[in-house]
N, C-alpha and C. Protein backbone atom coordinates (compact mmCIF):
# COMPACT_ATOMS: atom_id res chain seq x y z
N MET A 1 61.46 219.94 95.52
CA MET A 1 60.52 220.98 95.24
C MET A 1 59.89 222.08 95.88
N GLU A 2 59.02 222.82 95.54
CA GLU A 2 57.69 223.59 96.58
C GLU A 2 56.73 223.06 97.28
N ASP A 3 56.58 223.41 98.35
CA ASP A 3 54.94 223.59 98.79
C ASP A 3 54.08 223.69 98.02
N ILE A 4 53.90 223.66 98.42
CA ILE A 4 51.78 223.96 97.90
C ILE A 4 50.68 224.49 98.96
N ASP A 5 50.61 225.45 98.26
CA ASP A 5 49.94 226.19 99.32
C ASP A 5 48.41 225.94 99.41
N TYR A 6 48.08 225.31 100.28
CA TYR A 6 46.61 224.52 99.97
C TYR A 6 45.43 225.81 100.87
N ARG A 7 45.71 227.15 101.18
CA ARG A 7 45.55 228.45 101.37
C ARG A 7 44.85 228.39 100.55
N LEU A 8 45.79 228.85 99.16
CA LEU A 8 45.88 229.97 97.83
C LEU A 8 45.18 228.86 96.90
N ALA A 9 44.77 227.51 96.81
CA ALA A 9 44.70 226.29 96.27
C ALA A 9 43.26 226.67 96.00
N PHE A 10 42.83 226.53 97.86
CA PHE A 10 41.84 226.58 97.90
C PHE A 10 40.66 227.63 97.79
N ASP A 11 41.22 229.64 97.74
CA ASP A 11 41.26 230.41 97.75
C ASP A 11 41.01 230.49 96.10
N LEU A 12 41.31 230.34 95.15
CA LEU A 12 41.30 230.35 93.71
C LEU A 12 41.15 229.26 93.11
N ALA A 13 40.28 228.42 94.01
CA ALA A 13 39.64 227.56 92.61
C ALA A 13 39.07 227.67 91.88
N PRO A 14 38.71 227.17 90.61
CA PRO A 14 37.46 227.16 89.47
C PRO A 14 36.22 227.49 89.93
N VAL A 15 36.47 226.69 91.16
CA VAL A 15 34.64 226.04 91.84
C VAL A 15 34.57 226.82 92.72
N GLY A 16 33.09 227.14 93.28
CA GLY A 16 32.86 227.73 94.23
C GLY A 16 33.49 226.37 95.71
N LEU A 17 33.55 227.13 96.53
CA LEU A 17 33.69 225.95 97.59
C LEU A 17 33.86 226.26 98.68
N ALA A 18 33.27 225.50 99.50
CA ALA A 18 32.82 226.08 101.06
C ALA A 18 32.99 225.30 102.17
N LEU A 19 33.50 224.57 102.85
CA LEU A 19 33.96 224.71 104.74
C LEU A 19 32.58 224.36 105.56
N SER A 20 31.55 223.52 105.83
CA SER A 20 30.18 223.47 107.06
C SER A 20 30.94 223.01 107.61
N ARG A 21 30.63 223.04 108.90
CA ARG A 21 29.56 222.59 109.79
C ARG A 21 28.58 223.13 110.51
N GLN A 22 27.68 222.14 110.82
CA GLN A 22 26.06 221.82 111.31
C GLN A 22 25.77 222.79 110.04
N ARG A 23 25.46 222.54 108.47
CA ARG A 23 24.56 223.09 107.13
C ARG A 23 25.49 224.68 107.93
N THR A 24 26.79 225.33 108.05
CA THR A 24 26.68 226.66 108.35
C THR A 24 28.16 226.38 107.82
N ILE A 25 27.79 227.97 106.78
CA ILE A 25 29.59 227.66 106.08
C ILE A 25 30.03 227.81 107.07
N VAL A 26 31.12 227.87 107.17
CA VAL A 26 32.83 228.80 107.93
C VAL A 26 33.74 228.84 107.08
N ASP A 27 34.38 228.07 105.62
CA ASP A 27 34.70 229.16 105.52
C ASP A 27 34.13 229.31 103.65
N CYS A 28 34.75 229.92 102.48
CA CYS A 28 34.01 229.08 101.23
C CYS A 28 35.72 230.39 100.87
N ASN A 29 35.21 230.18 99.12
CA ASN A 29 36.11 231.09 98.46
C ASN A 29 35.99 232.29 97.35
N GLN A 30 36.53 232.67 97.61
CA GLN A 30 35.88 233.96 96.01
C GLN A 30 35.19 233.08 95.08
N ALA A 31 35.43 231.86 94.53
CA ALA A 31 35.10 231.54 93.52
C ALA A 31 32.53 231.27 93.60
N LEU A 32 33.30 230.91 94.81
CA LEU A 32 31.47 230.74 95.69
C LEU A 32 31.27 232.40 95.95
N CYS A 33 31.65 233.48 96.47
CA CYS A 33 31.61 234.75 96.42
C CYS A 33 30.85 235.26 95.48
N GLU A 34 31.19 234.57 94.02
CA GLU A 34 30.88 235.54 93.11
C GLU A 34 29.68 234.67 92.31
N ILE A 35 29.63 233.66 92.68
CA ILE A 35 28.60 232.41 91.98
C ILE A 35 27.60 233.21 92.98
N PHE A 36 27.67 233.45 94.07
CA PHE A 36 26.20 233.64 94.81
C PHE A 36 26.44 235.02 95.23
N GLY A 37 27.39 236.30 94.27
CA GLY A 37 27.33 237.82 94.33
C GLY A 37 27.24 238.41 95.93
N ALA A 38 27.82 237.36 96.88
CA ALA A 38 28.09 238.12 98.16
C ALA A 38 29.43 237.93 98.93
N SER A 39 30.28 238.95 99.56
CA SER A 39 30.98 238.92 100.45
C SER A 39 30.99 237.92 101.15
N ARG A 40 32.51 237.69 101.59
CA ARG A 40 32.78 236.02 102.28
C ARG A 40 32.83 237.08 103.21
N GLU A 41 32.81 237.66 103.94
CA GLU A 41 31.89 238.54 105.34
C GLU A 41 30.60 237.86 105.29
N ARG A 42 30.11 238.21 104.29
CA ARG A 42 28.73 237.83 104.35
C ARG A 42 28.42 236.55 104.95
N LEU A 43 29.10 236.04 103.83
CA LEU A 43 28.46 234.30 102.95
C LEU A 43 28.91 233.33 105.30
N VAL A 44 30.19 233.78 105.38
CA VAL A 44 30.91 233.02 106.43
C VAL A 44 30.22 233.18 107.25
N GLY A 45 29.43 232.01 108.15
CA GLY A 45 28.94 232.39 109.75
C GLY A 45 27.46 231.70 108.95
N GLN A 46 27.08 232.43 108.10
CA GLN A 46 26.03 231.92 107.36
C GLN A 46 25.68 231.04 107.53
N SER A 47 23.89 229.83 107.09
CA SER A 47 23.39 228.93 107.45
C SER A 47 23.10 228.54 106.11
N PHE A 48 23.65 227.17 105.31
CA PHE A 48 23.29 227.31 103.71
C PHE A 48 22.03 227.57 103.48
N LEU A 49 21.23 228.02 104.40
CA LEU A 49 19.28 228.29 104.31
C LEU A 49 19.71 229.40 102.78
N ILE A 50 20.84 230.62 103.30
CA ILE A 50 20.88 231.69 102.58
C ILE A 50 21.20 231.73 101.66
N LEU A 51 20.84 230.57 100.21
CA LEU A 51 20.67 230.68 98.88
C LEU A 51 20.62 229.46 99.35
N TYR A 52 19.48 229.19 99.69
CA TYR A 52 18.05 228.59 98.40
C TYR A 52 16.66 229.47 98.69
N PRO A 53 15.96 229.17 97.29
CA PRO A 53 15.05 229.74 97.20
C PRO A 53 13.89 229.91 98.24
N SER A 54 14.06 228.76 99.01
CA SER A 54 12.82 229.26 100.14
C SER A 54 13.02 227.50 101.13
N VAL A 55 12.50 228.34 102.33
CA VAL A 55 12.80 227.10 103.68
C VAL A 55 12.67 225.82 102.88
N GLY A 56 11.52 224.80 103.01
CA GLY A 56 11.03 223.76 102.26
C GLY A 56 11.89 223.66 101.22
N GLU A 57 12.71 223.85 100.62
CA GLU A 57 13.43 223.18 100.18
C GLU A 57 14.89 223.09 101.04
N TYR A 58 15.12 224.15 101.68
CA TYR A 58 16.82 223.88 101.89
C TYR A 58 15.99 222.47 102.68
N GLU A 59 14.73 223.08 104.10
CA GLU A 59 14.94 221.53 104.72
C GLU A 59 14.91 220.17 103.96
N ARG A 60 14.15 220.34 102.87
CA ARG A 60 13.84 218.22 102.28
C ARG A 60 15.25 218.11 101.51
N THR A 61 15.93 219.24 100.97
CA THR A 61 17.18 218.83 100.60
C THR A 61 18.22 218.53 101.34
N GLY A 62 18.17 218.86 102.83
CA GLY A 62 19.27 218.41 103.58
C GLY A 62 18.79 217.60 104.13
N ALA A 63 17.43 216.47 104.53
CA ALA A 63 17.34 215.61 104.43
C ALA A 63 17.64 214.36 103.60
N ARG A 64 17.68 214.88 102.46
CA ARG A 64 17.76 213.59 101.74
C ARG A 64 20.04 214.15 101.38
N ILE A 65 20.40 214.96 102.18
CA ILE A 65 22.13 214.76 102.15
C ILE A 65 22.51 214.21 103.31
N ALA A 66 21.47 214.51 104.57
CA ALA A 66 22.00 213.75 104.96
C ALA A 66 22.01 212.05 105.20
N HIS A 67 21.17 211.72 105.00
CA HIS A 67 20.52 210.22 104.43
C HIS A 67 21.69 209.59 103.56
N SER A 68 22.10 210.55 102.08
CA SER A 68 23.16 209.75 101.07
C SER A 68 24.59 210.10 101.54
N LEU A 69 24.66 211.16 102.70
CA LEU A 69 26.23 211.05 103.06
C LEU A 69 26.49 210.58 103.87
N GLY A 70 25.46 209.92 104.80
CA GLY A 70 25.26 208.82 105.83
C GLY A 70 25.51 207.52 105.37
N ARG A 71 25.41 207.41 104.02
CA ARG A 71 25.20 205.72 103.91
C ARG A 71 26.66 206.40 102.64
N ASN A 72 27.55 206.92 102.10
CA ASN A 72 28.71 206.47 101.66
C ASN A 72 29.00 207.51 101.54
N GLY A 73 29.12 208.85 101.97
CA GLY A 73 30.06 209.78 102.25
C GLY A 73 30.13 211.10 101.66
N THR A 74 29.59 210.73 100.20
CA THR A 74 29.03 211.87 99.33
C THR A 74 27.86 212.03 98.96
N TYR A 75 27.76 213.19 98.45
CA TYR A 75 25.67 213.67 97.71
C TYR A 75 26.30 214.83 96.35
N ALA A 76 25.52 214.64 95.64
CA ALA A 76 25.68 215.38 94.17
C ALA A 76 24.48 215.60 93.72
N ASP A 77 23.95 216.60 93.32
CA ASP A 77 22.84 216.94 92.54
C ASP A 77 22.64 218.40 92.21
N ASP A 78 22.26 218.28 90.90
CA ASP A 78 21.50 219.73 90.25
C ASP A 78 19.82 219.92 91.17
N ARG A 79 20.90 221.47 91.16
CA ARG A 79 19.36 222.22 92.79
C ARG A 79 19.07 224.06 91.83
N VAL A 80 18.18 224.62 92.12
CA VAL A 80 17.99 225.60 92.35
C VAL A 80 18.86 226.62 93.09
N MET A 81 19.50 227.46 93.17
CA MET A 81 19.54 228.24 94.13
C MET A 81 19.39 229.65 93.98
N LYS A 82 19.86 230.80 95.00
CA LYS A 82 19.80 231.94 94.18
C LYS A 82 20.93 232.33 95.23
N ARG A 83 20.89 233.53 94.53
CA ARG A 83 21.92 235.02 94.33
C ARG A 83 21.43 235.32 95.32
N VAL A 84 22.17 236.13 96.14
CA VAL A 84 22.38 236.57 98.09
C VAL A 84 22.34 237.70 97.83
N ASP A 85 23.74 238.31 96.85
CA ASP A 85 22.86 240.34 97.43
C ASP A 85 23.41 240.17 95.88
N GLY A 86 23.68 241.98 95.67
CA GLY A 86 24.53 242.07 94.33
C GLY A 86 23.10 242.77 93.73
N ARG A 87 23.70 243.00 92.08
CA ARG A 87 22.17 243.66 91.17
C ARG A 87 21.37 242.40 91.01
N CYS A 88 22.13 240.90 91.00
CA CYS A 88 21.20 239.67 90.74
C CYS A 88 20.42 239.43 92.18
N LYS A 89 19.78 239.82 93.10
CA LYS A 89 19.65 239.10 94.59
C LYS A 89 18.96 239.15 94.69
N GLY A 90 18.72 237.51 94.71
CA GLY A 90 16.74 236.38 95.24
C GLY A 90 17.04 236.10 94.09
N GLU A 91 17.53 236.65 92.71
CA GLU A 91 17.83 235.70 91.11
C GLU A 91 18.09 234.18 91.47
N PRO A 92 16.92 233.52 90.93
CA PRO A 92 17.26 231.85 91.18
C PRO A 92 18.20 231.22 89.54
N PHE A 93 18.70 230.34 90.04
CA PHE A 93 19.90 229.85 89.36
C PHE A 93 20.23 228.14 88.85
N TRP A 94 20.23 227.36 88.16
CA TRP A 94 20.16 226.79 88.20
C TRP A 94 21.66 226.26 88.32
N CYS A 95 22.05 224.99 89.97
CA CYS A 95 23.92 224.80 90.39
C CYS A 95 24.27 222.97 90.34
N HIS A 96 24.91 222.96 90.33
CA HIS A 96 25.34 221.42 90.23
C HIS A 96 26.76 221.68 91.74
N VAL A 97 26.15 220.54 92.75
CA VAL A 97 26.74 221.71 94.10
C VAL A 97 26.98 219.81 94.71
N THR A 98 28.53 219.61 94.81
CA THR A 98 28.92 217.85 95.27
C THR A 98 29.28 218.77 96.38
N GLY A 99 29.87 217.53 96.89
CA GLY A 99 29.94 217.62 99.02
C GLY A 99 30.40 216.02 99.60
N ARG A 100 30.41 216.82 99.93
CA ARG A 100 31.99 215.63 100.99
C ARG A 100 31.04 215.44 102.27
N ALA A 101 31.68 214.49 103.30
CA ALA A 101 30.89 214.42 105.03
C ALA A 101 32.43 214.15 105.17
N LEU A 102 33.00 215.04 106.10
CA LEU A 102 34.07 214.62 106.80
C LEU A 102 34.06 212.68 108.05
N HIS A 103 32.71 212.92 108.23
CA HIS A 103 31.97 212.34 108.92
C HIS A 103 30.64 211.80 108.79
N PRO A 104 30.86 210.13 107.63
CA PRO A 104 29.66 209.73 107.39
C PRO A 104 29.01 209.26 108.62
N GLU A 105 29.09 208.82 109.70
CA GLU A 105 28.26 208.72 110.76
C GLU A 105 27.50 210.22 111.34
N ALA A 106 28.60 210.83 110.91
CA ALA A 106 27.04 212.51 111.33
C ALA A 106 27.51 213.05 109.85
N PRO A 107 26.45 213.12 109.18
CA PRO A 107 26.43 213.66 107.84
C PRO A 107 26.64 215.42 107.65
N HIS A 108 26.05 215.95 108.89
CA HIS A 108 26.06 217.63 108.94
C HIS A 108 27.15 217.99 109.72
N GLU A 109 27.68 217.63 110.67
CA GLU A 109 28.73 217.69 111.39
C GLU A 109 29.64 218.60 110.41
N ALA A 110 30.23 217.81 109.57
CA ALA A 110 31.59 219.09 108.74
C ALA A 110 31.77 217.94 106.95
N GLY A 111 32.10 219.14 106.75
CA GLY A 111 31.61 219.48 105.12
C GLY A 111 32.47 219.99 104.38
N ILE A 112 32.79 219.43 102.96
CA ILE A 112 33.30 219.53 102.62
C ILE A 112 32.64 220.15 100.84
N TRP A 113 32.25 220.96 100.18
CA TRP A 113 31.44 222.02 99.90
C TRP A 113 31.77 222.40 98.22
N SER A 114 31.25 221.60 96.15
CA SER A 114 30.99 222.51 95.38
C SER A 114 30.95 222.63 94.83
N PHE A 115 30.35 224.02 93.56
CA PHE A 115 29.63 224.59 93.29
C PHE A 115 29.56 225.78 92.32
N GLU A 116 29.01 225.08 91.34
CA GLU A 116 29.28 224.99 89.88
C GLU A 116 27.49 226.02 89.15
N ASP A 117 27.95 226.59 88.95
CA ASP A 117 26.86 228.20 88.56
C ASP A 117 26.55 227.08 87.00
N LEU A 118 25.41 226.64 86.42
CA LEU A 118 24.66 226.00 85.62
C LEU A 118 24.14 227.05 84.28
N SER A 119 24.05 227.90 85.25
CA SER A 119 22.93 229.37 84.69
C SER A 119 23.43 229.33 83.04
N PRO A 120 24.77 229.78 82.66
CA PRO A 120 25.26 229.95 81.01
C PRO A 120 24.63 228.92 80.74
N ARG A 121 23.98 227.79 80.88
CA ARG A 121 23.11 226.59 79.87
C ARG A 121 22.01 225.90 80.46
N ARG A 122 21.88 226.54 82.03
CA ARG A 122 20.32 226.28 82.11
C ARG A 122 20.17 227.42 83.13
N ALA A 123 18.50 228.27 82.34
CA ALA A 123 17.78 229.78 82.34
C ALA A 123 17.08 228.72 84.03
N VAL A 124 16.31 229.20 84.20
CA VAL A 124 15.51 228.87 85.82
C VAL A 124 14.16 229.25 84.57
N LYS A 125 13.33 228.70 84.30
CA LYS A 125 12.04 229.29 84.43
C LYS A 125 11.17 230.46 85.82
N ALA A 126 11.01 231.13 85.22
CA ALA A 126 10.18 232.00 86.05
C ALA A 126 8.99 230.77 86.45
N GLY A 127 8.25 231.09 87.57
CA GLY A 127 7.12 230.17 88.22
C GLY A 127 7.02 229.08 88.57
N LEU A 128 8.47 228.47 88.61
CA LEU A 128 7.85 227.22 88.94
C LEU A 128 8.54 227.21 90.37
N THR A 129 8.04 226.10 91.20
CA THR A 129 7.69 226.12 92.72
C THR A 129 8.79 225.23 93.27
N GLY A 130 8.65 225.58 94.80
CA GLY A 130 10.27 224.78 94.59
C GLY A 130 9.69 223.43 94.49
N ARG A 131 8.72 222.33 95.05
CA ARG A 131 9.07 221.04 94.79
C ARG A 131 8.79 220.94 92.69
N GLU A 132 8.31 221.98 92.23
CA GLU A 132 8.15 221.57 90.69
C GLU A 132 9.88 221.80 90.85
N ARG A 133 10.19 222.29 90.65
CA ARG A 133 11.88 222.81 90.97
C ARG A 133 13.01 221.39 91.35
N GLU A 134 12.71 220.64 92.25
CA GLU A 134 12.58 219.33 92.83
C GLU A 134 12.82 218.86 92.12
N VAL A 135 11.70 217.96 91.75
CA VAL A 135 10.73 217.30 90.48
C VAL A 135 11.50 217.42 88.46
N ALA A 136 12.18 218.20 88.70
CA ALA A 136 12.57 219.21 87.38
C ALA A 136 13.94 218.03 87.37
N ALA A 137 14.59 218.59 89.08
CA ALA A 137 16.23 218.74 89.00
C ALA A 137 15.83 216.53 88.40
N PHE A 138 14.88 216.07 89.76
CA PHE A 138 15.83 214.76 89.20
C PHE A 138 15.01 213.56 88.08
N LEU A 139 13.97 214.63 87.48
CA LEU A 139 13.68 214.43 86.07
C LEU A 139 14.94 214.23 85.14
N MET A 140 15.71 215.30 85.84
CA MET A 140 16.65 215.23 84.56
C MET A 140 17.84 214.80 84.92
N ASP A 141 17.50 214.41 85.97
CA ASP A 141 18.49 213.28 86.25
C ASP A 141 18.62 211.46 85.64
N GLY A 142 17.08 211.40 84.81
CA GLY A 142 16.93 210.29 84.94
C GLY A 142 16.14 209.77 85.25
N LEU A 143 15.49 210.39 86.25
CA LEU A 143 14.78 209.07 87.30
C LEU A 143 13.58 208.95 87.28
N THR A 144 12.40 208.01 87.63
CA THR A 144 11.64 207.41 87.17
C THR A 144 10.57 208.43 87.93
N SER A 145 9.00 208.57 87.50
CA SER A 145 8.37 208.88 88.93
C SER A 145 7.76 208.23 90.81
N LYS A 146 8.64 206.88 90.16
CA LYS A 146 8.38 206.31 91.64
C LYS A 146 9.66 206.09 92.30
N GLN A 147 11.02 206.92 91.13
CA GLN A 147 11.93 206.68 92.04
C GLN A 147 11.85 208.65 92.72
N ILE A 148 11.96 209.50 92.21
CA ILE A 148 11.61 210.94 92.34
C ILE A 148 10.80 210.36 93.51
N GLY A 149 8.86 210.23 93.63
CA GLY A 149 8.68 209.90 94.71
C GLY A 149 9.26 209.54 96.28
N ARG A 150 10.29 208.51 96.25
CA ARG A 150 10.78 207.47 97.24
C ARG A 150 12.56 208.95 97.67
N GLN A 151 13.08 210.06 97.01
CA GLN A 151 13.64 210.55 97.07
C GLN A 151 12.49 211.70 97.95
N LEU A 152 11.75 212.24 97.77
CA LEU A 152 11.00 213.19 97.82
C LEU A 152 9.97 213.28 99.35
N GLY A 153 9.82 211.43 99.33
CA GLY A 153 8.50 210.96 100.46
C GLY A 153 7.47 211.57 100.21
N ILE A 154 7.15 211.17 98.82
CA ILE A 154 5.90 212.35 98.42
C ILE A 154 5.39 210.35 97.53
N SER A 155 4.43 209.99 97.31
CA SER A 155 3.39 209.66 96.18
C SER A 155 4.43 209.57 94.78
N HIS A 156 4.11 208.44 94.16
CA HIS A 156 4.90 208.67 93.06
C HIS A 156 3.60 208.70 92.08
N ARG A 157 2.23 209.05 92.19
CA ARG A 157 0.52 209.38 91.92
C ARG A 157 1.51 211.33 91.69
N THR A 158 1.75 211.41 92.76
CA THR A 158 2.12 212.96 93.39
C THR A 158 2.89 213.53 92.24
N VAL A 159 4.37 212.81 92.34
CA VAL A 159 4.91 212.93 91.36
C VAL A 159 5.01 214.03 90.46
N GLU A 160 3.66 212.90 89.55
CA GLU A 160 2.99 212.78 87.79
C GLU A 160 2.51 214.21 87.43
N ILE A 161 1.31 214.56 89.07
CA ILE A 161 1.15 215.79 89.10
C ILE A 161 1.99 216.29 88.75
N TYR A 162 2.45 216.75 89.45
CA TYR A 162 3.82 217.47 88.64
C TYR A 162 4.53 217.77 88.19
N ARG A 163 4.83 216.88 87.57
CA ARG A 163 5.18 216.17 85.96
C ARG A 163 4.20 217.33 84.81
N ALA A 164 3.92 216.66 85.07
CA ALA A 164 2.35 216.79 84.13
C ALA A 164 2.29 218.91 84.32
N ARG A 165 1.95 219.47 85.63
CA ARG A 165 2.33 221.14 85.62
C ARG A 165 3.89 221.90 84.71
N LEU A 166 4.60 220.42 85.38
CA LEU A 166 6.16 221.47 84.39
C LEU A 166 5.66 221.18 82.70
N MET A 167 5.29 220.07 82.74
CA MET A 167 4.82 219.81 80.78
C MET A 167 3.78 221.11 80.33
N ARG A 168 3.09 221.46 81.48
CA ARG A 168 1.92 222.83 80.86
C ARG A 168 3.27 223.80 80.57
N LYS A 169 3.48 224.07 81.46
CA LYS A 169 4.75 224.71 81.85
C LYS A 169 5.21 225.27 80.50
N TYR A 170 6.38 224.07 80.62
CA TYR A 170 7.32 224.41 79.76
C TYR A 170 6.97 223.97 77.78
N GLN A 171 5.08 223.11 77.65
CA GLN A 171 5.01 223.46 77.05
C GLN A 171 5.93 222.31 75.75
N ALA A 172 5.73 220.89 76.91
CA ALA A 172 6.80 219.76 76.30
C ALA A 172 5.18 218.99 75.94
N HIS A 173 5.58 217.91 74.53
CA HIS A 173 4.82 216.77 74.59
C HIS A 173 4.95 215.46 75.10
N SER A 174 6.53 215.48 75.57
CA SER A 174 6.75 214.34 76.43
C SER A 174 7.94 213.89 77.32
N THR A 175 7.82 213.71 78.20
CA THR A 175 8.75 213.78 79.15
C THR A 175 10.17 214.06 78.30
N PRO A 176 10.87 212.91 77.24
CA PRO A 176 12.25 213.63 76.96
C PRO A 176 12.00 215.15 76.07
N ASP A 177 11.18 215.75 75.27
CA ASP A 177 10.46 217.05 75.50
C ASP A 177 10.41 217.90 76.08
N LEU A 178 9.80 217.87 77.85
CA LEU A 178 9.97 218.70 78.94
C LEU A 178 11.36 218.36 79.47
N VAL A 179 12.14 217.10 78.92
CA VAL A 179 13.52 216.92 79.88
C VAL A 179 14.51 218.12 78.70
N HIS A 180 14.55 218.14 77.48
CA HIS A 180 15.48 219.21 76.79
C HIS A 180 14.92 220.22 77.49
N ARG A 181 13.60 220.80 77.42
CA ARG A 181 13.45 222.41 77.35
C ARG A 181 14.24 222.35 78.63
N LEU A 182 13.99 221.85 79.67
CA LEU A 182 14.87 221.67 80.92
C LEU A 182 16.17 222.14 81.09
N ILE A 183 16.41 221.75 80.47
CA ILE A 183 18.50 221.12 80.51
C ILE A 183 18.54 222.68 79.20
N ALA A 184 17.82 222.49 78.41
CA ALA A 184 18.13 224.02 77.54
C ALA A 184 17.89 225.20 78.29
N GLY A 185 16.62 225.03 79.48
CA GLY A 185 16.43 226.11 79.81
C GLY A 185 15.71 226.74 79.43
N GLY A 186 15.04 225.86 78.50
CA GLY A 186 13.13 227.14 77.77
C GLY A 186 12.62 227.31 77.42
């Protein structure tokens, strides 16, 4: 039996893959480059901040990731990321991100991350704030206002304010209607 070329498997994986140290991209595959519209040379050595729509979302997500990775070594969510270069530079898009810490006791020390572009199935509505995008992601996961508040470190009443704003922006009549419209992208 022939040995598997793991480097080739990494490079040709059908999802975006990145290896990280201290939230910096150490290596990535071609699919990740295609998702974010950037060359490998542009991404390797960069902070993951380059892939986020705002510094606040990068920092808040990092805090949530550290907590989850420290607990069980894995993390997954749907979040809004942004294209880095090319004709779509700066364009926000929904992305499913899954990661594993190589050392759960030091969650950001080293990890492996997969990225799946959800934009063919879910568009980002223009005009959402970073916090609205975060609340929307948790609503799509089926969390309650209290659960979202705990995840984001804000009160459930503040979450309800953001949910009400989302409902107005998406012209939704109920939370299930809002979730349906968020998933449908429109």
